């Protein structure tokens, strides 16, 4: 029982000492002095050139300009659908004007065919593991190798 009370007492003493030391450090911390005011005479001597002005076009104005191919300030239905037609034409591999499910899912179908090493129309666990999305890892700095230490003696 005495050991328990001695342990509790020493723990409380350590906590009290830590608080005392923590408060003592915080009170002695000094802030840097505030910057000196900039004198008006210094600005007259050192005239800085005016920075170039950036274009004030918004993101939506830039997007509008991408669709407005003939630059008449209006977007026609054909201009609006042009990007969709190009994407559709890329998917319609046989050029019949219709998209089958296989044409629409061409990337997934190709990924399945590549992973199916046994060509049996199904993926086992090892084959399925090869279909996982490869995530881009953070670029790491390439350090040169350390110089080899000369053999002593």
N, C-alpha and C. Protein backbone atom coordinates (compact mmCIF):
# COMPACT_ATOMS: atom_id res chain seq x y z
N UNK A 1 0.82 -1.19 0.00
CA UNK A 1 0.00 0.00 0.00
C UNK A 1 0.86 1.26 0.00
N UNK A 2 1.97 1.21 0.77
CA UNK A 2 2.85 2.37 0.82
C UNK A 2 3.50 2.62 -0.53
N UNK A 3 3.82 1.56 -1.26
CA UNK A 3 4.43 1.73 -2.58
C UNK A 3 3.45 2.42 -3.55
N UNK A 4 2.19 2.05 -3.44
CA UNK A 4 1.18 2.67 -4.28
C UNK A 4 1.07 4.16 -3.98
N UNK A 5 0.98 4.53 -2.73
CA UNK A 5 0.88 5.94 -2.34
C UNK A 5 2.14 6.70 -2.72
N UNK A 6 3.30 6.06 -2.57
CA UNK A 6 4.55 6.73 -2.96
C UNK A 6 4.58 6.96 -4.47
N UNK A 7 4.09 6.00 -5.26
CA UNK A 7 4.03 6.16 -6.72
C UNK A 7 3.10 7.28 -7.13
N UNK A 8 1.92 7.36 -6.51
CA UNK A 8 0.97 8.42 -6.82
C UNK A 8 1.55 9.77 -6.43
N UNK A 9 2.18 9.84 -5.27
CA UNK A 9 2.77 11.10 -4.82
C UNK A 9 3.89 11.57 -5.75
N UNK A 10 4.73 10.65 -6.20
CA UNK A 10 5.82 11.04 -7.10
C UNK A 10 5.27 11.44 -8.47
N UNK A 11 4.20 10.79 -8.93
CA UNK A 11 3.60 11.17 -10.21
C UNK A 11 3.02 12.58 -10.13
N UNK A 12 2.35 12.90 -9.03
CA UNK A 12 1.81 14.25 -8.85
C UNK A 12 2.93 15.29 -8.76
N UNK A 13 4.02 14.92 -8.11
CA UNK A 13 5.15 15.85 -8.02
C UNK A 13 5.75 16.10 -9.40
N UNK A 14 5.85 15.09 -10.24
CA UNK A 14 6.38 15.26 -11.60
C UNK A 14 5.46 16.13 -12.44
N UNK A 15 4.16 15.93 -12.31
CA UNK A 15 3.20 16.76 -13.06
C UNK A 15 3.31 18.21 -12.62
N UNK A 16 3.39 18.45 -11.32
CA UNK A 16 3.51 19.82 -10.81
C UNK A 16 4.81 20.46 -11.28
N UNK A 17 5.91 19.71 -11.28
CA UNK A 17 7.18 20.25 -11.76
C UNK A 17 7.11 20.56 -13.24
N UNK A 18 6.45 19.70 -14.02
CA UNK A 18 6.30 19.95 -15.45
C UNK A 18 5.51 21.20 -15.72
N UNK A 19 4.41 21.41 -14.98
CA UNK A 19 3.63 22.63 -15.16
C UNK A 19 4.42 23.86 -14.78
N UNK A 20 5.18 23.77 -13.73
CA UNK A 20 5.99 24.90 -13.29
C UNK A 20 7.03 25.25 -14.36
N UNK A 21 7.70 24.24 -14.90
CA UNK A 21 8.72 24.49 -15.92
C UNK A 21 8.08 24.98 -17.21
N UNK A 22 6.93 24.44 -17.58
CA UNK A 22 6.26 24.86 -18.81
C UNK A 22 5.86 26.33 -18.72
N UNK A 23 5.29 26.72 -17.62
CA UNK A 23 4.91 28.13 -17.45
C UNK A 23 6.12 29.04 -17.41
N UNK A 24 7.20 28.57 -16.86
CA UNK A 24 8.41 29.39 -16.80
C UNK A 24 8.98 29.65 -18.19
N UNK A 25 8.94 28.65 -19.10
CA UNK A 25 9.43 28.84 -20.46
C UNK A 25 8.54 29.78 -21.25
N UNK A 26 7.25 29.66 -21.07
CA UNK A 26 6.33 30.49 -21.83
C UNK A 26 6.45 31.95 -21.42
N UNK A 27 6.73 32.20 -20.17
CA UNK A 27 6.81 33.58 -19.71
C UNK A 27 8.08 34.27 -20.21
N UNK A 28 9.13 33.53 -20.48
CA UNK A 28 10.39 34.15 -20.90
C UNK A 28 10.51 34.27 -22.41
N UNK A 29 9.57 33.75 -23.17
CA UNK A 29 9.64 33.85 -24.62
C UNK A 29 9.45 35.30 -25.06
N UNK A 30 10.34 35.78 -25.91
CA UNK A 30 10.27 37.17 -26.37
C UNK A 30 9.83 37.20 -27.82
N UNK A 31 8.98 38.14 -28.15
CA UNK A 31 8.52 38.32 -29.51
C UNK A 31 9.49 39.22 -30.26
N UNK A 32 9.61 39.06 -31.57
CA UNK A 32 10.49 39.94 -32.32
C UNK A 32 9.92 41.35 -32.35
N UNK A 33 10.77 42.36 -32.48
CA UNK A 33 10.27 43.74 -32.50
C UNK A 33 9.43 43.98 -33.75
N UNK A 34 8.45 44.87 -33.66
CA UNK A 34 7.62 45.17 -34.83
C UNK A 34 8.46 45.86 -35.90
N UNK A 35 8.10 45.71 -37.18
CA UNK A 35 8.87 46.36 -38.24
C UNK A 35 8.75 47.88 -38.15
N UNK A 36 9.82 48.55 -38.55
CA UNK A 36 9.83 50.01 -38.52
C UNK A 36 8.90 50.53 -39.61
N UNK A 37 8.20 51.64 -39.35
CA UNK A 37 7.31 52.20 -40.37
C UNK A 37 8.12 52.65 -41.59
N UNK A 38 7.54 52.47 -42.76
CA UNK A 38 8.20 52.83 -44.01
C UNK A 38 8.04 54.33 -44.23
N UNK A 39 9.13 55.04 -44.32
CA UNK A 39 9.10 56.49 -44.46
C UNK A 39 8.65 56.89 -45.86
N UNK A 40 7.92 57.99 -45.97
CA UNK A 40 7.42 58.47 -47.25
C UNK A 40 8.57 58.91 -48.15
N UNK A 41 9.68 59.40 -47.56
CA UNK A 41 10.81 59.85 -48.37
C UNK A 41 11.48 58.67 -49.07
N UNK A 42 11.43 57.52 -48.46
CA UNK A 42 12.05 56.34 -49.08
C UNK A 42 11.25 55.89 -50.30
N UNK A 43 9.92 56.06 -50.27
CA UNK A 43 9.12 55.63 -51.42
C UNK A 43 9.36 56.52 -52.61
N UNK A 44 9.60 57.80 -52.40
CA UNK A 44 9.84 58.71 -53.52
C UNK A 44 11.16 58.37 -54.20
N UNK A 45 12.17 57.98 -53.42
CA UNK A 45 13.48 57.68 -53.99
C UNK A 45 13.47 56.36 -54.76
N UNK A 46 12.78 55.42 -54.25
CA UNK A 46 12.78 54.10 -54.88
C UNK A 46 11.42 53.81 -55.48
N UNK A 47 11.09 54.45 -56.60
CA UNK A 47 9.82 54.22 -57.28
C UNK A 47 9.84 52.84 -57.92
N UNK A 48 8.91 52.03 -57.53
CA UNK A 48 8.81 50.70 -58.09
C UNK A 48 7.93 50.73 -59.33
N UNK A 49 8.31 49.98 -60.36
CA UNK A 49 7.47 49.98 -61.56
C UNK A 49 6.14 49.28 -61.28
N UNK A 50 5.12 49.66 -62.00
CA UNK A 50 3.79 49.07 -61.85
C UNK A 50 3.83 47.62 -62.36
N UNK A 51 3.34 46.67 -61.57
CA UNK A 51 3.33 45.28 -62.05
C UNK A 51 2.35 45.13 -63.21
N UNK A 52 2.62 44.21 -64.11
CA UNK A 52 1.71 44.03 -65.25
C UNK A 52 0.35 43.55 -64.78
N UNK A 53 -0.68 44.01 -65.44
CA UNK A 53 -2.05 43.64 -65.07
C UNK A 53 -2.40 42.32 -65.75
N UNK A 54 -3.05 41.45 -65.01
CA UNK A 54 -3.48 40.17 -65.56
C UNK A 54 -4.82 40.33 -66.24
N UNK A 55 -5.10 39.44 -67.16
CA UNK A 55 -6.39 39.47 -67.84
C UNK A 55 -7.48 39.19 -66.82
N UNK A 56 -8.59 39.88 -66.95
CA UNK A 56 -9.67 39.75 -65.97
C UNK A 56 -10.74 38.76 -66.41
N UNK A 57 -10.45 37.91 -67.40
CA UNK A 57 -11.43 36.93 -67.87
C UNK A 57 -11.63 35.86 -66.80
N UNK A 58 -12.87 35.52 -66.58
CA UNK A 58 -13.19 34.51 -65.58
C UNK A 58 -13.07 33.11 -66.18
N UNK A 59 -13.13 32.13 -65.33
CA UNK A 59 -13.08 30.74 -65.78
C UNK A 59 -14.25 30.44 -66.71
N UNK A 60 -15.41 30.97 -66.41
CA UNK A 60 -16.59 30.73 -67.23
C UNK A 60 -16.46 31.39 -68.60
N UNK A 61 -15.83 32.57 -68.67
CA UNK A 61 -15.61 33.21 -69.96
C UNK A 61 -14.65 32.40 -70.82
N UNK A 62 -13.62 31.85 -70.20
CA UNK A 62 -12.67 31.01 -70.95
C UNK A 62 -13.37 29.75 -71.46
N UNK A 63 -14.22 29.17 -70.64
CA UNK A 63 -14.97 27.98 -71.04
C UNK A 63 -15.90 28.31 -72.20
N UNK A 64 -16.55 29.46 -72.13
CA UNK A 64 -17.44 29.91 -73.21
C UNK A 64 -16.65 30.04 -74.52
N UNK A 65 -15.47 30.62 -74.45
CA UNK A 65 -14.65 30.82 -75.65
C UNK A 65 -14.21 29.49 -76.28
N UNK A 66 -14.00 28.46 -75.46
CA UNK A 66 -13.62 27.15 -76.01
C UNK A 66 -14.75 26.56 -76.85
N UNK A 67 -15.99 26.80 -76.47
CA UNK A 67 -17.13 26.27 -77.22
C UNK A 67 -17.48 27.15 -78.41
N UNK A 68 -17.30 28.46 -78.30
CA UNK A 68 -17.68 29.39 -79.36
C UNK A 68 -16.60 29.38 -80.44
N UNK A 69 -16.70 28.42 -81.37
CA UNK A 69 -15.66 28.23 -82.38
C UNK A 69 -15.60 29.36 -83.39
N UNK A 70 -16.75 29.93 -83.78
CA UNK A 70 -16.73 30.99 -84.80
C UNK A 70 -16.61 32.39 -84.20
N UNK A 71 -16.46 32.49 -82.89
CA UNK A 71 -16.22 33.75 -82.17
C UNK A 71 -17.28 34.83 -82.47
N UNK A 72 -18.55 34.41 -82.56
CA UNK A 72 -19.61 35.38 -82.79
C UNK A 72 -20.33 35.77 -81.50
N UNK A 73 -19.86 35.27 -80.36
CA UNK A 73 -20.48 35.61 -79.08
C UNK A 73 -21.68 34.76 -78.74
N UNK A 74 -21.96 33.75 -79.55
CA UNK A 74 -23.08 32.85 -79.32
C UNK A 74 -22.62 31.42 -79.56
N UNK A 75 -23.18 30.49 -78.81
CA UNK A 75 -22.85 29.09 -78.99
C UNK A 75 -24.06 28.39 -79.60
N UNK A 76 -23.87 27.86 -80.79
CA UNK A 76 -24.95 27.13 -81.45
C UNK A 76 -24.99 25.70 -80.92
N UNK A 77 -26.07 24.99 -81.25
CA UNK A 77 -26.21 23.61 -80.82
C UNK A 77 -25.08 22.75 -81.38
N UNK A 78 -24.71 22.98 -82.65
CA UNK A 78 -23.63 22.21 -83.26
C UNK A 78 -22.30 22.47 -82.56
N UNK A 79 -22.03 23.72 -82.19
CA UNK A 79 -20.79 24.04 -81.47
C UNK A 79 -20.79 23.36 -80.10
N UNK A 80 -21.95 23.36 -79.46
CA UNK A 80 -22.05 22.78 -78.12
C UNK A 80 -21.85 21.27 -78.15
N UNK A 81 -22.34 20.60 -79.18
CA UNK A 81 -22.27 19.15 -79.27
C UNK A 81 -21.01 18.64 -79.98
N UNK A 82 -20.17 19.51 -80.51
CA UNK A 82 -19.00 19.08 -81.28
C UNK A 82 -18.07 18.20 -80.47
N UNK A 83 -17.80 18.55 -79.24
CA UNK A 83 -16.89 17.73 -78.43
C UNK A 83 -17.51 16.37 -78.13
N UNK A 84 -18.82 16.31 -77.96
CA UNK A 84 -19.50 15.04 -77.70
C UNK A 84 -19.46 14.15 -78.95
N UNK A 85 -19.60 14.77 -80.13
CA UNK A 85 -19.55 13.99 -81.36
C UNK A 85 -18.17 13.34 -81.56
N UNK A 86 -17.13 14.09 -81.23
CA UNK A 86 -15.77 13.55 -81.36
C UNK A 86 -15.58 12.37 -80.40
N UNK A 87 -16.05 12.51 -79.16
CA UNK A 87 -15.92 11.43 -78.18
C UNK A 87 -16.74 10.21 -78.62
N UNK A 88 -17.93 10.43 -79.18
CA UNK A 88 -18.78 9.34 -79.65
C UNK A 88 -18.11 8.63 -80.81
N UNK A 89 -17.54 9.39 -81.73
CA UNK A 89 -16.87 8.79 -82.90
C UNK A 89 -15.69 7.91 -82.47
N UNK A 90 -14.99 8.31 -81.43
CA UNK A 90 -13.88 7.49 -80.94
C UNK A 90 -14.39 6.16 -80.37
N UNK A 91 -15.54 6.18 -79.73
CA UNK A 91 -16.09 4.96 -79.13
C UNK A 91 -16.73 4.04 -80.18
N UNK A 92 -17.29 4.61 -81.24
CA UNK A 92 -17.98 3.83 -82.27
C UNK A 92 -16.92 3.24 -83.21
N UNK A 93 -16.32 2.14 -82.77
CA UNK A 93 -15.18 1.58 -83.51
C UNK A 93 -15.57 0.98 -84.86
N UNK A 94 -16.78 0.44 -85.00
CA UNK A 94 -17.15 -0.14 -86.28
C UNK A 94 -17.84 0.86 -87.20
N UNK A 95 -18.10 2.09 -86.74
CA UNK A 95 -18.62 3.17 -87.57
C UNK A 95 -20.06 2.99 -88.02
N UNK A 96 -20.86 2.19 -87.31
CA UNK A 96 -22.24 1.99 -87.73
C UNK A 96 -23.20 3.03 -87.15
N UNK A 97 -22.70 3.96 -86.35
CA UNK A 97 -23.55 4.99 -85.77
C UNK A 97 -24.26 4.55 -84.51
N UNK A 98 -24.00 3.35 -84.06
CA UNK A 98 -24.61 2.83 -82.83
C UNK A 98 -23.50 2.33 -81.92
N UNK A 99 -23.71 2.50 -80.64
CA UNK A 99 -22.74 2.01 -79.67
C UNK A 99 -23.26 0.73 -79.04
N UNK A 100 -22.52 -0.35 -79.20
CA UNK A 100 -22.86 -1.56 -78.48
C UNK A 100 -22.24 -1.45 -77.08
N UNK A 101 -22.64 -2.36 -76.22
CA UNK A 101 -22.08 -2.32 -74.88
C UNK A 101 -20.57 -2.55 -74.93
N UNK A 102 -20.12 -3.46 -75.79
CA UNK A 102 -18.68 -3.73 -75.89
C UNK A 102 -17.90 -2.53 -76.41
N UNK A 103 -18.48 -1.77 -77.35
CA UNK A 103 -17.81 -0.55 -77.83
C UNK A 103 -17.72 0.49 -76.71
N UNK A 104 -18.80 0.60 -75.95
CA UNK A 104 -18.82 1.58 -74.87
C UNK A 104 -17.85 1.20 -73.76
N UNK A 105 -17.72 -0.09 -73.50
CA UNK A 105 -16.87 -0.57 -72.42
C UNK A 105 -15.54 -1.11 -72.96
N UNK A 106 -15.01 -0.50 -74.00
CA UNK A 106 -13.82 -1.02 -74.67
C UNK A 106 -12.61 -1.08 -73.75
N UNK A 107 -12.41 -0.09 -72.91
CA UNK A 107 -11.24 -0.10 -72.00
C UNK A 107 -11.35 -1.24 -70.99
N UNK A 108 -12.55 -1.40 -70.43
CA UNK A 108 -12.76 -2.45 -69.44
C UNK A 108 -12.64 -3.83 -70.09
N UNK A 109 -13.18 -3.97 -71.29
CA UNK A 109 -13.09 -5.24 -72.00
C UNK A 109 -11.65 -5.59 -72.32
N UNK A 110 -10.87 -4.60 -72.77
CA UNK A 110 -9.46 -4.83 -73.07
C UNK A 110 -8.68 -5.18 -71.80
N UNK A 111 -9.00 -4.53 -70.69
CA UNK A 111 -8.32 -4.82 -69.42
C UNK A 111 -8.62 -6.25 -68.97
N UNK A 112 -9.88 -6.68 -69.15
CA UNK A 112 -10.25 -8.05 -68.78
C UNK A 112 -9.51 -9.05 -69.66
N UNK A 113 -9.47 -8.80 -70.97
CA UNK A 113 -8.81 -9.72 -71.88
C UNK A 113 -7.31 -9.82 -71.58
N UNK A 114 -6.70 -8.71 -71.20
CA UNK A 114 -5.27 -8.72 -70.86
C UNK A 114 -5.03 -9.49 -69.57
N UNK A 115 -5.92 -9.35 -68.60
CA UNK A 115 -5.74 -10.01 -67.30
C UNK A 115 -6.04 -11.50 -67.37
N UNK A 116 -6.90 -11.92 -68.31
CA UNK A 116 -7.31 -13.33 -68.40
C UNK A 116 -6.21 -14.13 -69.09
N UNK A 117 -5.18 -14.47 -68.35
CA UNK A 117 -4.02 -15.18 -68.91
C UNK A 117 -4.39 -16.59 -69.37
N UNK A 118 -5.31 -17.24 -68.69
CA UNK A 118 -5.70 -18.60 -69.05
C UNK A 118 -6.67 -18.65 -70.22
N UNK A 119 -7.18 -17.54 -70.67
CA UNK A 119 -8.14 -17.43 -71.77
C UNK A 119 -9.36 -18.34 -71.57
N UNK A 120 -9.79 -18.41 -70.30
CA UNK A 120 -10.95 -19.25 -70.01
C UNK A 120 -12.21 -18.42 -69.76
N UNK A 121 -12.14 -17.13 -69.93
CA UNK A 121 -13.31 -16.27 -69.75
C UNK A 121 -13.62 -15.91 -68.32
N UNK A 122 -12.71 -16.22 -67.40
CA UNK A 122 -12.90 -15.84 -66.00
C UNK A 122 -11.54 -15.52 -65.40
N UNK A 123 -11.58 -14.76 -64.31
CA UNK A 123 -10.35 -14.33 -63.64
C UNK A 123 -10.24 -15.03 -62.29
N UNK A 124 -9.09 -15.63 -62.02
CA UNK A 124 -8.86 -16.14 -60.68
C UNK A 124 -8.30 -15.00 -59.83
N UNK A 125 -8.01 -15.24 -58.57
CA UNK A 125 -7.58 -14.17 -57.66
C UNK A 125 -6.29 -13.51 -58.13
N UNK A 126 -5.34 -14.28 -58.62
CA UNK A 126 -4.06 -13.72 -59.07
C UNK A 126 -4.26 -12.86 -60.32
N UNK A 127 -5.10 -13.32 -61.25
CA UNK A 127 -5.37 -12.54 -62.47
C UNK A 127 -6.13 -11.27 -62.13
N UNK A 128 -7.10 -11.37 -61.21
CA UNK A 128 -7.87 -10.19 -60.82
C UNK A 128 -6.98 -9.14 -60.16
N UNK A 129 -5.96 -9.57 -59.42
CA UNK A 129 -5.07 -8.62 -58.74
C UNK A 129 -4.33 -7.74 -59.74
N UNK A 130 -4.15 -8.22 -60.98
CA UNK A 130 -3.44 -7.41 -61.98
C UNK A 130 -4.30 -6.29 -62.53
N UNK A 131 -5.61 -6.28 -62.23
CA UNK A 131 -6.50 -5.24 -62.75
C UNK A 131 -6.59 -4.04 -61.82
N UNK A 132 -5.91 -4.09 -60.69
CA UNK A 132 -6.00 -2.97 -59.73
C UNK A 132 -5.47 -1.70 -60.37
N UNK A 133 -6.10 -0.59 -60.03
CA UNK A 133 -5.69 0.71 -60.57
C UNK A 133 -4.32 1.07 -60.02
N UNK A 134 -3.44 1.44 -60.92
CA UNK A 134 -2.09 1.85 -60.52
C UNK A 134 -2.14 3.33 -60.14
N UNK A 135 -1.90 3.61 -58.89
CA UNK A 135 -1.93 4.99 -58.42
C UNK A 135 -0.56 5.61 -58.57
N UNK A 136 -0.57 6.89 -58.90
CA UNK A 136 0.70 7.60 -59.03
C UNK A 136 1.25 7.86 -57.64
N UNK A 137 2.48 7.48 -57.44
CA UNK A 137 3.09 7.73 -56.14
C UNK A 137 3.79 9.08 -56.19
N UNK A 138 4.01 9.62 -55.02
CA UNK A 138 4.69 10.91 -54.92
C UNK A 138 6.11 10.74 -55.44
N UNK A 139 6.57 11.75 -56.17
CA UNK A 139 7.93 11.68 -56.70
C UNK A 139 8.91 11.81 -55.56
N UNK A 140 9.88 10.94 -55.59
CA UNK A 140 10.90 10.97 -54.55
C UNK A 140 12.19 11.47 -55.14
N UNK A 141 12.94 12.17 -54.33
CA UNK A 141 14.23 12.68 -54.78
C UNK A 141 15.20 11.52 -54.92
N UNK A 142 15.95 11.55 -56.00
CA UNK A 142 16.94 10.51 -56.22
C UNK A 142 18.27 11.04 -55.73
N UNK A 143 18.78 10.41 -54.70
CA UNK A 143 20.03 10.85 -54.10
C UNK A 143 21.18 10.03 -54.69
N UNK A 144 22.30 10.69 -54.92
CA UNK A 144 23.45 9.93 -55.42
C UNK A 144 23.94 8.97 -54.35
N UNK A 145 24.56 7.87 -54.77
CA UNK A 145 25.05 6.92 -53.76
C UNK A 145 26.18 7.54 -52.95
N UNK A 146 26.26 7.12 -51.70
CA UNK A 146 27.32 7.62 -50.80
C UNK A 146 28.67 7.11 -51.32
N UNK A 147 29.70 7.95 -51.20
CA UNK A 147 31.02 7.50 -51.64
C UNK A 147 31.47 6.32 -50.81
N UNK A 148 32.10 5.34 -51.46
CA UNK A 148 32.57 4.15 -50.76
C UNK A 148 33.76 4.52 -49.88
N UNK A 149 33.73 3.99 -48.66
CA UNK A 149 34.83 4.27 -47.73
C UNK A 149 36.07 3.51 -48.17
N UNK A 150 37.21 4.16 -48.10
CA UNK A 150 38.47 3.50 -48.47
C UNK A 150 38.81 2.44 -47.45
N UNK A 151 39.27 1.32 -47.94
CA UNK A 151 39.67 0.25 -47.02
C UNK A 151 40.88 0.68 -46.22
N UNK A 152 40.78 0.54 -44.92
CA UNK A 152 41.89 0.93 -44.06
C UNK A 152 42.70 -0.32 -43.71
N UNK A 153 44.03 -0.17 -43.75
CA UNK A 153 44.96 -1.16 -43.25
C UNK A 153 45.16 -2.28 -44.10
